[in-house]
C-alpha atoms as a PDB file:
ATOM      1  CA  MET A   1     -40.046  -7.988  77.139  1.00  0.00           C
ATOM      2  CA  ILE A   2     -40.426 -11.662  76.103  1.00  0.00           C
ATOM      3  CA  LYS A   3     -43.656 -11.971  78.126  1.00  0.00           C
ATOM      4  CA  ALA A   4     -44.922  -8.680  76.736  1.00  0.00           C
ATOM      5  CA  LEU A   5     -44.233  -9.938  73.231  1.00  0.00           C
ATOM      6  CA  PHE A   6     -46.986 -12.544  73.610  1.00  0.00           C
ATOM      7  CA  LEU A   7     -49.390 -10.031  75.155  1.00  0.00           C
ATOM      8  CA  TYR A   8     -49.092  -6.918  72.999  1.00  0.00           C
ATOM      9  CA  HIS A   9     -49.708  -6.775  69.272  1.00  0.00           C
ATOM     10  CA  PHE A  10     -47.671  -3.581  68.867  1.00  0.00           C
ATOM     11  CA  LEU A  11     -44.554  -5.422  70.043  1.00  0.00           C
ATOM     12  CA  GLN A  12     -45.250  -8.273  67.621  1.00  0.00           C
ATOM     13  CA  ASN A  13     -45.652  -5.738  64.810  1.00  0.00           C
ATOM     14  CA  ALA A  14     -42.418  -4.020  65.866  1.00  0.00           C
ATOM     15  CA  LEU A  15     -40.471  -7.293  65.854  1.00  0.00           C
ATOM     16  CA  LEU A  16     -41.822  -8.251  62.435  1.00  0.00           C
ATOM     17  CA  ALA A  17     -41.050  -4.769  61.091  1.00  0.00           C
ATOM     18  CA  SER A  18     -37.471  -4.998  62.360  1.00  0.00           C
ATOM     19  CA  PHE A  19     -37.051  -8.364  60.627  1.00  0.00           C
ATOM     20  CA  LEU A  20     -38.365  -7.026  57.300  1.00  0.00           C
ATOM     21  CA  ALA A  21     -36.278  -3.848  57.558  1.00  0.00           C
ATOM     22  CA  SER A  22     -33.137  -5.888  58.275  1.00  0.00           C
ATOM     23  CA  ILE A  23     -33.618  -7.966  55.124  1.00  0.00           C
ATOM     24  CA  VAL A  24     -33.911  -5.020  52.749  1.00  0.00           C
ATOM     25  CA  CYS A  25     -31.273  -2.842  54.410  1.00  0.00           C
ATOM     26  CA  GLY A  26     -28.907  -5.815  54.487  1.00  0.00           C
ATOM     27  CA  ILE A  27     -29.350  -6.584  50.795  1.00  0.00           C
ATOM     28  CA  ILE A  28     -29.559  -3.081  49.328  1.00  0.00           C
ATOM     29  CA  GLY A  29     -27.162  -1.560  51.854  1.00  0.00           C
ATOM     30  CA  VAL A  30     -24.278  -3.668  50.541  1.00  0.00           C
ATOM     31  CA  ILE A  31     -24.871  -2.396  46.988  1.00  0.00           C
ATOM     32  CA  ILE A  32     -25.246   1.213  48.176  1.00  0.00           C
ATOM     33  CA  VAL A  33     -21.959   1.085  50.092  1.00  0.00           C
ATOM     34  CA  GLU A  34     -20.138  -0.671  47.234  1.00  0.00           C
ATOM     35  CA  LYS A  35     -21.411   1.792  44.579  1.00  0.00           C
ATOM     36  CA  LYS A  36     -20.918   4.826  46.853  1.00  0.00           C
ATOM     37  CA  LEU A  37     -24.577   5.856  46.616  1.00  0.00           C
ATOM     38  CA  VAL A  38     -25.003   6.852  50.260  1.00  0.00           C
ATOM     39  CA  MET A  39     -25.712  10.542  49.623  1.00  0.00           C
ATOM     40  CA  MET A  40     -28.022   9.713  46.726  1.00  0.00           C
ATOM     41  CA  SER A  41     -29.966   7.428  49.063  1.00  0.00           C
ATOM     42  CA  GLY A  42     -30.158  10.281  51.562  1.00  0.00           C
ATOM     43  CA  GLY A  43     -31.556  12.549  48.866  1.00  0.00           C
ATOM     44  CA  ILE A  44     -34.285  10.028  47.992  1.00  0.00           C
ATOM     45  CA  ALA A  45     -35.095   9.500  51.689  1.00  0.00           C
ATOM     46  CA  HIS A  46     -35.501  13.196  52.465  1.00  0.00           C
ATOM     47  CA  THR A  47     -37.534  13.814  49.307  1.00  0.00           C
ATOM     48  CA  SER A  48     -40.073  11.278  50.609  1.00  0.00           C
ATOM     49  CA  TYR A  49     -40.987  13.752  53.369  1.00  0.00           C
ATOM     50  CA  GLY A  50     -42.922  15.707  50.767  1.00  0.00           C
ATOM     51  CA  GLY A  51     -45.100  12.632  50.222  1.00  0.00           C
ATOM     52  CA  VAL A  52     -45.711  12.312  53.965  1.00  0.00           C
ATOM     53  CA  GLY A  53     -46.904  15.921  54.096  1.00  0.00           C
ATOM     54  CA  LEU A  54     -49.091  15.449  50.999  1.00  0.00           C
ATOM     55  CA  GLY A  55     -50.679  12.357  52.546  1.00  0.00           C
ATOM     56  CA  TYR A  56     -51.653  14.327  55.653  1.00  0.00           C
ATOM     57  CA  LEU A  57     -52.952  17.242  53.561  1.00  0.00           C
ATOM     58  CA  LEU A  58     -55.116  15.144  51.206  1.00  0.00           C
ATOM     59  CA  GLY A  59     -56.179  12.597  53.814  1.00  0.00           C
ATOM     60  CA  PHE A  60     -54.554   9.390  52.577  1.00  0.00           C
ATOM     61  CA  GLU A  61     -51.952   7.179  54.245  1.00  0.00           C
ATOM     62  CA  PRO A  62     -48.690   9.215  54.528  1.00  0.00           C
ATOM     63  CA  ILE A  63     -46.495   6.155  53.906  1.00  0.00           C
ATOM     64  CA  ILE A  64     -48.153   5.788  50.472  1.00  0.00           C
ATOM     65  CA  GLY A  65     -47.243   9.394  49.732  1.00  0.00           C
ATOM     66  CA  ALA A  66     -43.678   8.712  50.859  1.00  0.00           C
ATOM     67  CA  PHE A  67     -43.549   5.732  48.499  1.00  0.00           C
ATOM     68  CA  LEU A  68     -44.741   7.781  45.500  1.00  0.00           C
ATOM     69  CA  PHE A  69     -42.360  10.667  46.188  1.00  0.00           C
ATOM     70  CA  SER A  70     -39.438   8.277  46.730  1.00  0.00           C
ATOM     71  CA  ILE A  71     -40.034   6.551  43.389  1.00  0.00           C
ATOM     72  CA  CYS A  72     -40.363   9.899  41.565  1.00  0.00           C
ATOM     73  CA  ALA A  73     -37.193  11.195  43.230  1.00  0.00           C
ATOM     74  CA  ALA A  74     -35.268   8.028  42.352  1.00  0.00           C
ATOM     75  CA  LEU A  75     -36.281   8.173  38.684  1.00  0.00           C
ATOM     76  CA  GLY A  76     -35.721  11.935  38.511  1.00  0.00           C
ATOM     77  CA  ILE A  77     -32.237  11.736  40.037  1.00  0.00           C
ATOM     78  CA  GLY A  78     -31.378   8.799  37.758  1.00  0.00           C
ATOM     79  CA  LEU A  79     -32.553  10.609  34.622  1.00  0.00           C
ATOM     80  CA  ILE A  80     -30.692  13.835  35.380  1.00  0.00           C
ATOM     81  CA  LYS A  81     -27.590  11.882  36.390  1.00  0.00           C
ATOM     82  CA  GLN A  82     -27.613  10.086  33.032  1.00  0.00           C
ATOM     83  CA  LYS A  83     -27.937  13.385  31.152  1.00  0.00           C
ATOM     84  CA  SER A  84     -25.396  15.362  33.207  1.00  0.00           C
ATOM     85  CA  GLY A  85     -23.496  13.071  35.571  1.00  0.00           C
ATOM     86  CA  LYS A  86     -21.060  15.783  36.664  1.00  0.00           C
ATOM     87  CA  ARG A  87     -23.788  17.790  38.413  1.00  0.00           C
ATOM     88  CA  SER A  88     -25.496  14.890  40.173  1.00  0.00           C
ATOM     89  CA  ASP A  89     -24.465  16.215  43.604  1.00  0.00           C
ATOM     90  CA  VAL A  90     -26.360  19.462  42.903  1.00  0.00           C
ATOM     91  CA  VAL A  91     -29.428  17.528  41.767  1.00  0.00           C
ATOM     92  CA  ILE A  92     -29.377  15.366  44.900  1.00  0.00           C
ATOM     93  CA  ALA A  93     -29.099  18.462  47.124  1.00  0.00           C
ATOM     94  CA  LEU A  94     -32.029  20.133  45.349  1.00  0.00           C
ATOM     95  CA  PHE A  95     -34.263  17.054  45.562  1.00  0.00           C
ATOM     96  CA  TRP A  96     -33.261  16.707  49.232  1.00  0.00           C
ATOM     97  CA  SER A  97     -34.219  20.323  50.055  1.00  0.00           C
ATOM     98  CA  LEU A  98     -37.314  20.388  47.836  1.00  0.00           C
ATOM     99  CA  GLY A  99     -38.801  17.274  49.428  1.00  0.00           C
ATOM    100  CA  MET A 100     -38.331  18.600  52.956  1.00  0.00           C
ATOM    101  CA  ALA A 101     -39.694  22.022  51.983  1.00  0.00           C
ATOM    102  CA  LEU A 102     -42.797  20.526  50.327  1.00  0.00           C
ATOM    103  CA  GLY A 103     -43.443  18.359  53.377  1.00  0.00           C
ATOM    104  CA  ILE A 104     -43.308  21.405  55.668  1.00  0.00           C
ATOM    105  CA  LEU A 105     -45.537  23.392  53.285  1.00  0.00           C
ATOM    106  CA  PHE A 106     -48.184  20.654  52.957  1.00  0.00           C
ATOM    107  CA  VAL A 107     -48.382  20.188  56.733  1.00  0.00           C
ATOM    108  CA  ALA A 108     -48.643  23.975  57.236  1.00  0.00           C
ATOM    109  CA  LEU A 109     -51.572  24.128  54.756  1.00  0.00           C
ATOM    110  CA  MET A 110     -53.588  21.641  56.800  1.00  0.00           C
ATOM    111  CA  PRO A 111     -56.594  23.147  58.613  1.00  0.00           C
ATOM    112  CA  GLY A 112     -56.493  23.046  62.405  1.00  0.00           C
ATOM    113  CA  TYR A 113     -53.582  21.793  64.458  1.00  0.00           C
ATOM    114  CA  PRO A 114     -50.701  20.192  62.539  1.00  0.00           C
ATOM    115  CA  PRO A 115     -50.215  16.453  63.180  1.00  0.00           C
ATOM    116  CA  ASP A 116     -47.284  14.993  65.070  1.00  0.00           C
ATOM    117  CA  ILE A 117     -45.049  13.621  62.313  1.00  0.00           C
ATOM    118  CA  THR A 118     -41.959  12.922  64.407  1.00  0.00           C
ATOM    119  CA  SER A 119     -42.444   9.178  63.920  1.00  0.00           C
ATOM    120  CA  TYR A 120     -41.854   9.667  60.171  1.00  0.00           C
ATOM    121  CA  LEU A 121     -38.815  11.864  60.785  1.00  0.00           C
ATOM    122  CA  PHE A 122     -37.124   9.894  63.562  1.00  0.00           C
ATOM    123  CA  GLY A 123     -38.950   6.563  63.462  1.00  0.00           C
ATOM    124  CA  ASN A 124     -41.122   4.811  66.011  1.00  0.00           C
ATOM    125  CA  ILE A 125     -41.059   1.074  65.519  1.00  0.00           C
ATOM    126  CA  LEU A 126     -43.527   0.615  68.390  1.00  0.00           C
ATOM    127  CA  SER A 127     -46.225   2.469  66.419  1.00  0.00           C
ATOM    128  CA  VAL A 128     -46.054   0.246  63.308  1.00  0.00           C
ATOM    129  CA  THR A 129     -49.539  -0.820  62.197  1.00  0.00           C
ATOM    130  CA  ARG A 130     -50.781  -3.897  60.331  1.00  0.00           C
ATOM    131  CA  MET A 131     -51.113  -1.849  57.161  1.00  0.00           C
ATOM    132  CA  ASP A 132     -47.470  -0.822  57.524  1.00  0.00           C
ATOM    133  CA  ILE A 133     -46.520  -4.498  57.908  1.00  0.00           C
ATOM    134  CA  TYR A 134     -48.419  -5.451  54.738  1.00  0.00           C
ATOM    135  CA  LEU A 135     -46.722  -2.681  52.743  1.00  0.00           C
ATOM    136  CA  MET A 136     -43.292  -3.507  54.184  1.00  0.00           C
ATOM    137  CA  SER A 137     -43.775  -7.219  53.442  1.00  0.00           C
ATOM    138  CA  SER A 138     -44.726  -6.528  49.821  1.00  0.00           C
ATOM    139  CA  LEU A 139     -41.785  -4.199  49.212  1.00  0.00           C
ATOM    140  CA  THR A 140     -39.338  -6.544  50.959  1.00  0.00           C
ATOM    141  CA  LEU A 141     -40.514  -9.440  48.803  1.00  0.00           C
ATOM    142  CA  ILE A 142     -40.147  -7.394  45.599  1.00  0.00           C
ATOM    143  CA  VAL A 143     -36.658  -6.150  46.513  1.00  0.00           C
ATOM    144  CA  THR A 144     -35.454  -9.632  47.482  1.00  0.00           C
ATOM    145  CA  LEU A 145     -36.844 -11.278  44.345  1.00  0.00           C
ATOM    146  CA  VAL A 146     -35.283  -8.664  42.039  1.00  0.00           C
ATOM    147  CA  ILE A 147     -31.867  -9.068  43.665  1.00  0.00           C
ATOM    148  CA  VAL A 148     -32.058 -12.881  43.519  1.00  0.00           C
ATOM    149  CA  LEU A 149     -33.300 -13.010  39.912  1.00  0.00           C
ATOM    150  CA  PHE A 150     -30.591 -10.638  38.642  1.00  0.00           C
ATOM    151  CA  TYR A 151     -27.894 -11.715  41.096  1.00  0.00           C
ATOM    152  CA  ASN A 152     -25.215 -12.492  38.476  1.00  0.00           C
ATOM    153  CA  ASP A 153     -25.911  -9.211  36.696  1.00  0.00           C
ATOM    154  CA  TRP A 154     -25.621  -7.290  39.982  1.00  0.00           C
ATOM    155  CA  LYS A 155     -22.354  -9.049  40.710  1.00  0.00           C
ATOM    156  CA  ALA A 156     -20.870  -8.051  37.355  1.00  0.00           C
ATOM    157  CA  TYR A 157     -22.304  -4.530  37.626  1.00  0.00           C
ATOM    158  CA  LEU A 158     -20.640  -4.007  41.012  1.00  0.00           C
ATOM    159  CA  PHE A 159     -17.334  -5.515  39.892  1.00  0.00           C
ATOM    160  CA  ASP A 160     -16.904  -3.460  36.718  1.00  0.00           C
ATOM    161  CA  GLU A 161     -19.754  -1.408  35.251  1.00  0.00           C
ATOM    162  CA  GLU A 162     -17.932  -0.690  31.960  1.00  0.00           C
ATOM    163  CA  PHE A 163     -17.013  -4.344  31.398  1.00  0.00           C
ATOM    164  CA  SER A 164     -20.585  -5.375  32.213  1.00  0.00           C
ATOM    165  CA  SER A 165     -21.867  -3.060  29.495  1.00  0.00           C
ATOM    166  CA  ILE A 166     -19.396  -4.531  26.982  1.00  0.00           C
ATOM    167  CA  ILE A 167     -20.534  -8.112  27.622  1.00  0.00           C
ATOM    168  CA  GLY A 168     -24.168  -7.170  27.027  1.00  0.00           C
ATOM    169  CA  ILE A 169     -25.536  -6.410  30.493  1.00  0.00           C
ATOM    170  CA  LYS A 170     -27.956  -3.473  30.429  1.00  0.00           C
ATOM    171  CA  THR A 171     -26.207  -1.315  33.005  1.00  0.00           C
ATOM    172  CA  VAL A 172     -28.471   1.716  32.481  1.00  0.00           C
ATOM    173  CA  PHE A 173     -31.514  -0.442  33.222  1.00  0.00           C
ATOM    174  CA  LEU A 174     -29.774  -1.849  36.325  1.00  0.00           C
ATOM    175  CA  GLU A 175     -28.968   1.658  37.543  1.00  0.00           C
ATOM    176  CA  TYR A 176     -32.574   2.810  37.270  1.00  0.00           C
ATOM    177  CA  LEU A 177     -33.756  -0.445  38.829  1.00  0.00           C
ATOM    178  CA  LEU A 178     -31.312   0.011  41.697  1.00  0.00           C
ATOM    179  CA  LEU A 179     -32.610   3.524  42.372  1.00  0.00           C
ATOM    180  CA  VAL A 180     -36.189   2.226  42.476  1.00  0.00           C
ATOM    181  CA  LEU A 181     -35.117  -0.559  44.865  1.00  0.00           C
ATOM    182  CA  ILE A 182     -33.413   2.033  47.068  1.00  0.00           C
ATOM    183  CA  ALA A 183     -36.663   4.027  47.125  1.00  0.00           C
ATOM    184  CA  MET A 184     -38.609   0.916  48.155  1.00  0.00           C
ATOM    185  CA  THR A 185     -36.054   0.120  50.849  1.00  0.00           C
ATOM    186  CA  ILE A 186     -36.278   3.625  52.264  1.00  0.00           C
ATOM    187  CA  VAL A 187     -40.063   3.326  52.542  1.00  0.00           C
ATOM    188  CA  VAL A 188     -39.627   0.062  54.467  1.00  0.00           C
ATOM    189  CA  LEU A 189     -37.148   1.722  56.849  1.00  0.00           C
ATOM    190  CA  ILE A 190     -39.069   4.974  57.441  1.00  0.00           C
ATOM    191  CA  ARG A 191     -41.354   3.511  60.102  1.00  0.00           C
ATOM    192  CA  VAL A 192     -38.401   1.836  61.841  1.00  0.00           C
ATOM    193  CA  VAL A 193     -35.773   4.592  62.068  1.00  0.00           C
ATOM    194  CA  GLY A 194     -37.349   7.556  60.271  1.00  0.00           C
ATOM    195  CA  ILE A 195     -36.401   9.672  57.267  1.00  0.00           C
ATOM    196  CA  ILE A 196     -33.569  11.523  58.981  1.00  0.00           C
ATOM    197  CA  LEU A 197     -31.903   8.442  60.490  1.00  0.00           C
ATOM    198  CA  VAL A 198     -32.457   6.017  57.605  1.00  0.00           C
ATOM    199  CA  LEU A 199     -28.911   6.335  56.246  1.00  0.00           C
ATOM    200  CA  ALA A 200     -27.370   4.829  59.378  1.00  0.00           C
ATOM    201  CA  LEU A 201     -29.320   1.567  59.155  1.00  0.00           C
ATOM    202  CA  LEU A 202     -28.702   1.400  55.414  1.00  0.00           C
ATOM    203  CA  THR A 203     -24.944   1.743  55.739  1.00  0.00           C
ATOM    204  CA  ALA A 204     -23.794   0.512  59.181  1.00  0.00           C
ATOM    205  CA  PRO A 205     -24.600  -3.236  58.837  1.00  0.00           C
ATOM    206  CA  ALA A 206     -23.282  -3.307  55.249  1.00  0.00           C
ATOM    207  CA  ALA A 207     -20.104  -1.428  56.202  1.00  0.00           C
ATOM    208  CA  ILE A 208     -19.409  -3.802  59.107  1.00  0.00           C
ATOM    209  CA  ALA A 209     -20.054  -6.820  56.872  1.00  0.00           C
ATOM    210  CA  SER A 210     -17.547  -5.491  54.315  1.00  0.00           C
ATOM    211  CA  LEU A 211     -14.834  -5.569  56.991  1.00  0.00           C
ATOM    212  CA  PHE A 212     -15.198  -9.307  57.493  1.00  0.00           C
ATOM    213  CA  SER A 213     -16.312 -10.638  54.110  1.00  0.00           C
ATOM    214  CA  SER A 214     -15.149  -9.951  50.551  1.00  0.00           C
ATOM    215  CA  GLY A 215     -17.842 -11.880  48.662  1.00  0.00           C
ATOM    216  CA  LEU A 216     -21.150 -10.242  47.708  1.00  0.00           C
ATOM    217  CA  ARG A 217     -23.345 -13.062  49.024  1.00  0.00           C
ATOM    218  CA  GLY A 218     -21.426 -13.239  52.305  1.00  0.00           C
ATOM    219  CA  ARG A 219     -21.695  -9.497  52.826  1.00  0.00           C
ATOM    220  CA  MET A 220     -25.437  -9.560  52.251  1.00  0.00           C
ATOM    221  CA  ILE A 221     -25.981 -12.437  54.668  1.00  0.00           C
ATOM    222  CA  TYR A 222     -23.832 -10.866  57.387  1.00  0.00           C
ATOM    223  CA  SER A 223     -25.481  -7.511  56.823  1.00  0.00           C
ATOM    224  CA  VAL A 224     -28.985  -8.990  57.234  1.00  0.00           C
ATOM    225  CA  ILE A 225     -27.936 -10.761  60.445  1.00  0.00           C
ATOM    226  CA  LEU A 226     -26.338  -7.601  61.854  1.00  0.00           C
ATOM    227  CA  GLY A 227     -29.393  -5.535  60.922  1.00  0.00           C
ATOM    228  CA  ASN A 228     -31.607  -7.957  62.840  1.00  0.00           C
ATOM    229  CA  ILE A 229     -29.319  -7.795  65.868  1.00  0.00           C
ATOM    230  CA  PHE A 230     -29.262  -3.981  65.865  1.00  0.00           C
ATOM    231  CA  CYS A 231     -33.036  -3.691  65.422  1.00  0.00           C
ATOM    232  CA  ILE A 232     -33.940  -6.270  68.078  1.00  0.00           C
ATOM    233  CA  ILE A 233     -31.485  -4.964  70.688  1.00  0.00           C
ATOM    234  CA  GLY A 234     -32.446  -1.371  69.846  1.00  0.00           C
ATOM    235  CA  LEU A 235     -36.120  -2.311  70.212  1.00  0.00           C
ATOM    236  CA  TRP A 236     -35.408  -3.889  73.593  1.00  0.00           C
ATOM    237  CA  ILE A 237     -33.497  -0.787  74.764  1.00  0.00           C
ATOM    238  CA  SER A 238     -36.300   1.448  73.511  1.00  0.00           C
ATOM    239  CA  TYR A 239     -39.006  -0.577  75.266  1.00  0.00           C
ATOM    240  CA  THR A 240     -37.240  -1.098  78.604  1.00  0.00           C
ATOM    241  CA  MET A 241     -35.735   2.395  78.957  1.00  0.00           C
ATOM    242  CA  ASN A 242     -38.581   4.335  77.309  1.00  0.00           C
ATOM    243  CA  LEU A 243     -36.316   5.846  74.646  1.00  0.00           C
ATOM    244  CA  ALA A 244     -36.937   6.709  70.996  1.00  0.00           C
ATOM    245  CA  SER A 245     -36.707   3.461  69.018  1.00  0.00           C
ATOM    246  CA  GLY A 246     -35.111   4.933  65.891  1.00  0.00           C
ATOM    247  CA  ALA A 247     -32.429   6.737  67.867  1.00  0.00           C
ATOM    248  CA  SER A 248     -31.684   3.610  69.933  1.00  0.00           C
ATOM    249  CA  ILE A 249     -31.210   1.458  66.829  1.00  0.00           C
ATOM    250  CA  VAL A 250     -29.061   4.032  65.047  1.00  0.00           C
ATOM    251  CA  ILE A 251     -26.804   4.794  68.030  1.00  0.00           C
ATOM    252  CA  LEU A 252     -26.246   1.070  68.587  1.00  0.00           C
ATOM    253  CA  SER A 253     -25.452   0.589  64.877  1.00  0.00           C
ATOM    254  CA  ALA A 254     -22.979   3.482  64.837  1.00  0.00           C
ATOM    255  CA  ILE A 255     -21.193   2.335  68.020  1.00  0.00           C
ATOM    256  CA  CYS A 256     -20.860  -1.219  66.670  1.00  0.00           C
ATOM    257  CA  TYR A 257     -19.447   0.101  63.378  1.00  0.00           C
ATOM    258  CA  PHE A 258     -16.808   2.247  65.088  1.00  0.00           C
ATOM    259  CA  LEU A 259     -15.811  -0.624  67.382  1.00  0.00           C
ATOM    260  CA  SER A 260     -15.638  -3.043  64.435  1.00  0.00           C
ATOM    261  CA  TYR A 261     -13.587  -0.585  62.383  1.00  0.00           C
ATOM    262  CA  ALA A 262     -11.154   0.002  65.252  1.00  0.00           C
ATOM    263  CA  THR A 263     -10.807  -3.738  65.904  1.00  0.00           C
ATOM    264  CA  HIS A 264     -10.253  -4.477  62.220  1.00  0.00           C
ATOM    265  CA  SER A 265      -7.663  -1.698  61.921  1.00  0.00           C
ATOM    266  CA  ILE A 266      -5.725  -3.002  64.935  1.00  0.00           C
ATOM    267  CA  TYR A 267      -5.871  -6.559  63.583  1.00  0.00           C
ATOM    268  CA  ASP A 268      -4.588  -5.404  60.163  1.00  0.00           C
ATOM    269  CA  ARG A 269      -1.750  -3.479  61.770  1.00  0.00           C
ATOM    270  CA  VAL A 270      -0.671  -6.472  63.861  1.00  0.00           C
ATOM    271  CA  LYS A 271      -0.951  -8.739  60.815  1.00  0.00           C
ATOM    272  CA  ARG A 272       1.226  -6.424  58.708  1.00  0.00           C
ATOM    273  CA  LYS A 273       3.855  -6.288  61.451  1.00  0.00           C
ATOM    274  CA  ARG A 274       3.960 -10.079  61.649  1.00  0.00           C
ATOM    275  CA  MET A 275       4.235 -10.368  57.886  1.00  0.00           C
ATOM    276  CA  GLY A 276       7.038  -7.797  57.899  1.00  0.00           C
ATOM    277  CA  LYS A 277       8.957  -9.669  60.611  1.00  0.00           C
ATOM    278  CA  ARG A 278       8.477 -12.932  58.748  1.00  0.00           C
ATOM    279  CA  GLN A 279       9.784 -11.352  55.553  1.00  0.00           C
ATOM    280  CA  ASP A 280      12.806  -9.936  57.430  1.00  0.00           C
ATOM    281  CA  ASN A 281      13.560 -13.389  58.869  1.00  0.00           C
ATOM    282  CA  LEU A 282      13.369 -14.940  55.403  1.00  0.00           C
ATOM    283  CA  ASN A 283      15.703 -12.283  54.016  1.00  0.00           C
ATOM    284  CA  LEU A 284      18.200 -12.957  56.833  1.00  0.00           C
ATOM    285  CA  ALA A 285      17.963 -16.705  56.208  1.00  0.00           C
ATOM    286  CA  TYR A 286      18.772 -16.277  52.510  1.00  0.00           C
ATOM    287  CA  LYS A 287      21.742 -14.032  53.321  1.00  0.00           C
END
C-alpha cells in the first residue's frame, strides 16, 4: 500500500481525508461523549440524508446538500430543545426519520435510474474527491479554531453548565454553537464512514481516551491520535482485502473500544483489591 500511495491520487485523498476526519471527530467527539449528545448527533447525521437526496434531485453536489440539512437540523433541534427540553428525544427521532424519508423521496423523484448512494450511507474513503478534501479542510479548520478560541469557555461549560451561566458565560450561545460544530463534523465524516456509521467514529476514540485521561486537552489529543490510527489501519484493511472502508474503520474502532473497556475494568478491579488489602494491613497494624 505504501508504494501505491505514491502512485494513486485516490489513496492520497483517502489518507488526507482520514487525517482531517480524525481531527474533528477527536475534538468534537470528546464534547459529545461528555455532554451525552450521542443520540442528538445521530439525529443530525441521519437528517443530512435528505440533503444528499436533494443534491441528486436538483443536480448540485450532494455533500453541500448534506451540509445545509445538517445545519438546519442542528439549529432546529437546538431551538425546540430550548423551548421544550423534556421532549427533545421525540424531536430528535422525528428529525432522524424525516431526513431519511426526504432523502428516499428525492432520490425516487429523479428521472431515470436512481444513483448509487451507498457511499453516503456507509462511507467510501477511497472515492473521496479533491472537492471533498477542500470542503473537509475548510470545516476542520473552522471547528478547530472555534474550539481553540473558546477553549476555557468549553471547559467551564462541560464542568458545570449552571455555574458557567452564573459567572457570565453565554451557555445558550455555546449550545447552539456546539450543535453547528457537530453538524460540520458530521459532514466531514460522511465521506469517510457514511451517515449510518458516523456515530461509531464520533464516539469510539473519545470514549477510549476518557478511560485513560481525565483532562479535556489530554482526551482530545488522545482521541485525535486514536482516530488517525483507526482510519489508517481501516483504510489499509479496506484496500488490501477489498472490503468496505467505512465498515472496516468502524468495526476496528468498536473492537478496540471493547478491548480497552475490558482491560480498564480488569485493571480497576485489581487496583481496588490491592487498595483493600493495603487498608486491611494498616488496620491490623494499628490494632
